[in-house]
Every structure is written in structure tokens, then in C-alpha cells.
Amino acid sequence: MSENPIVCDRKPLVLEVEAGMHAWCACGRSAQAPFCDGSHKGTGLHPVPFQVTEKQSVAWCQCKHTGNPPVCDGSHRSLP
């Protein structure tokens, strides 16, 4: 059984990232947010791999409720 993710923030974290594979923290427990640091172990939640083909800004979801992980889709606006 999976635990619910922790909402880190109610707005996206916009960061410029280098090309390559990134692991987005889906649990909200990482000290390296928005990236996974392994803190999800035992929660039933897992990081989401995200391939970036060229250096770019990404609006990383911090509420953990996006329908398009790991990118913010505005879902934070409908959280209670």
C-alpha cells in the first residue's frame, strides 16, 4: 500500500536543468527537491524518470498531484 505524497509547495519550482535523465521526487520527502534522494524507501512511492534533451527551464510540480508528472499542470490550484 502506498502512502500519500507530501505537498512540498502549492506552486511549481522553476529550475533550469541540463540535458540528461533526472529523477523527480514523487513522495515529497527528498531533501534534494525536486529531485529524488531515496527518501521514498518504504512508502510505496517511486521517483519519476524525466529525460531532458537540451538545457531548459522546467516547472517541477511541488504539490505532487500533477496529472503530467513531473511537470506542473496547475493541479495545486484545486488542492483543499
C-alpha atoms as a PDB file:
ATOM      1  CA  MET A   1       0.000   0.000   0.000  1.00  0.00           C
ATOM      2  CA  SER A   2       1.305   3.446  -0.905  1.00  0.00           C
ATOM      3  CA  GLU A   3       1.466   6.403   1.420  1.00  0.00           C
ATOM      4  CA  ASN A   4       0.183   9.752   0.202  1.00  0.00           C
ATOM      5  CA  PRO A   5       2.819  12.150  -1.100  1.00  0.00           C
ATOM      6  CA  ILE A   6       3.761  15.193   0.964  1.00  0.00           C
ATOM      7  CA  VAL A   7       2.862  18.533  -0.608  1.00  0.00           C
ATOM      8  CA  CYS A   8       6.153  20.482  -0.695  1.00  0.00           C
ATOM      9  CA  ASP A   9       4.624  23.698  -2.013  1.00  0.00           C
ATOM     10  CA  ARG A  10       1.489  24.968  -3.734  1.00  0.00           C
ATOM     11  CA  LYS A  11       3.372  26.406  -6.678  1.00  0.00           C
ATOM     12  CA  PRO A  12       5.867  24.903  -9.120  1.00  0.00           C
ATOM     13  CA  LEU A  13       9.619  25.156  -8.705  1.00  0.00           C
ATOM     14  CA  VAL A  14      11.048  26.514 -11.958  1.00  0.00           C
ATOM     15  CA  LEU A  15      14.652  25.446 -12.476  1.00  0.00           C
ATOM     16  CA  GLU A  16      16.957  25.404 -15.446  1.00  0.00           C
ATOM     17  CA  VAL A  17      18.289  21.884 -15.874  1.00  0.00           C
ATOM     18  CA  GLU A  18      20.958  20.368 -18.055  1.00  0.00           C
ATOM     19  CA  ALA A  19      20.214  17.771 -20.704  1.00  0.00           C
ATOM     20  CA  GLY A  20      20.077  14.229 -19.362  1.00  0.00           C
ATOM     21  CA  MET A  21      17.971  11.934 -17.197  1.00  0.00           C
ATOM     22  CA  HIS A  22      16.549  13.346 -13.971  1.00  0.00           C
ATOM     23  CA  ALA A  23      14.611  11.574 -11.215  1.00  0.00           C
ATOM     24  CA  TRP A  24      11.716  13.679  -9.869  1.00  0.00           C
ATOM     25  CA  CYS A  25      10.757  13.108  -6.249  1.00  0.00           C
ATOM     26  CA  ALA A  26       7.131  11.918  -6.254  1.00  0.00           C
ATOM     27  CA  CYS A  27       6.906  11.380  -2.474  1.00  0.00           C
ATOM     28  CA  GLY A  28       7.730  14.895  -1.238  1.00  0.00           C
ATOM     29  CA  ARG A  29      10.264  13.637   1.306  1.00  0.00           C
ATOM     30  CA  SER A  30      13.501  14.419  -0.548  1.00  0.00           C
ATOM     31  CA  ALA A  31      15.969  16.905   0.925  1.00  0.00           C
ATOM     32  CA  GLN A  32      17.115  17.464  -2.682  1.00  0.00           C
ATOM     33  CA  ALA A  33      13.680  18.524  -4.040  1.00  0.00           C
ATOM     34  CA  PRO A  34      12.565  18.427  -6.743  1.00  0.00           C
ATOM     35  CA  PHE A  35      14.970  15.540  -7.299  1.00  0.00           C
ATOM     36  CA  CYS A  36      14.883  12.125  -5.640  1.00  0.00           C
ATOM     37  CA  ASP A  37      17.356  11.368  -2.851  1.00  0.00           C
ATOM     38  CA  GLY A  38      15.984   7.923  -1.943  1.00  0.00           C
ATOM     39  CA  SER A  39      13.758   9.142   0.910  1.00  0.00           C
ATOM     40  CA  HIS A  40      10.778   7.338  -0.646  1.00  0.00           C
ATOM     41  CA  LYS A  41      12.009   3.934   0.521  1.00  0.00           C
ATOM     42  CA  GLY A  42       9.253   2.120   2.379  1.00  0.00           C
ATOM     43  CA  THR A  43       6.483   4.467   1.208  1.00  0.00           C
ATOM     44  CA  GLY A  44       5.340   2.534  -1.852  1.00  0.00           C
ATOM     45  CA  LEU A  45       6.024   5.677  -3.912  1.00  0.00           C
ATOM     46  CA  HIS A  46       8.746   5.867  -6.550  1.00  0.00           C
ATOM     47  CA  PRO A  47      10.650   8.612  -8.376  1.00  0.00           C
ATOM     48  CA  VAL A  48       9.588   9.542 -11.895  1.00  0.00           C
ATOM     49  CA  PRO A  49      12.343   9.470 -14.513  1.00  0.00           C
ATOM     50  CA  PHE A  50      12.362  12.550 -16.756  1.00  0.00           C
ATOM     51  CA  GLN A  51      14.512  12.905 -19.868  1.00  0.00           C
ATOM     52  CA  VAL A  52      15.606  16.409 -20.874  1.00  0.00           C
ATOM     53  CA  THR A  53      17.054  16.587 -24.391  1.00  0.00           C
ATOM     54  CA  GLU A  54      18.568  20.079 -24.097  1.00  0.00           C
ATOM     55  CA  LYS A  55      19.224  22.596 -21.345  1.00  0.00           C
ATOM     56  CA  GLN A  56      15.870  24.166 -20.440  1.00  0.00           C
ATOM     57  CA  SER A  57      13.679  25.563 -17.692  1.00  0.00           C
ATOM     58  CA  VAL A  58      11.252  23.066 -16.171  1.00  0.00           C
ATOM     59  CA  ALA A  59       8.304  23.903 -13.905  1.00  0.00           C
ATOM     60  CA  TRP A  60       8.642  20.970 -11.496  1.00  0.00           C
ATOM     61  CA  CYS A  61       5.436  20.028  -9.663  1.00  0.00           C
ATOM     62  CA  GLN A  62       5.819  20.519  -5.913  1.00  0.00           C
ATOM     63  CA  CYS A  63       2.243  19.648  -4.850  1.00  0.00           C
ATOM     64  CA  LYS A  64       2.760  16.069  -6.124  1.00  0.00           C
ATOM     65  CA  HIS A  65      -0.764  15.962  -7.634  1.00  0.00           C
ATOM     66  CA  THR A  66       0.015  16.844 -11.260  1.00  0.00           C
ATOM     67  CA  GLY A  67      -1.613  14.761 -13.946  1.00  0.00           C
ATOM     68  CA  ASN A  68       1.548  15.211 -16.028  1.00  0.00           C
ATOM     69  CA  PRO A  69       4.419  14.247 -13.689  1.00  0.00           C
ATOM     70  CA  PRO A  70       6.919  15.722 -13.129  1.00  0.00           C
ATOM     71  CA  VAL A  71       5.734  18.933 -14.789  1.00  0.00           C
ATOM     72  CA  CYS A  72       3.270  21.265 -13.059  1.00  0.00           C
ATOM     73  CA  ASP A  73      -0.182  21.267 -14.673  1.00  0.00           C
ATOM     74  CA  GLY A  74      -1.845  23.665 -12.233  1.00  0.00           C
ATOM     75  CA  SER A  75      -3.326  20.934 -10.019  1.00  0.00           C
ATOM     76  CA  HIS A  76      -2.106  22.844  -6.942  1.00  0.00           C
ATOM     77  CA  ARG A  77      -4.881  25.382  -7.551  1.00  0.00           C
ATOM     78  CA  SER A  78      -7.552  22.775  -6.759  1.00  0.00           C
ATOM     79  CA  LEU A  79      -5.998  21.333  -3.589  1.00  0.00           C
ATOM     80  CA  PRO A  80      -8.010  21.848  -0.412  1.00  0.00           C
END
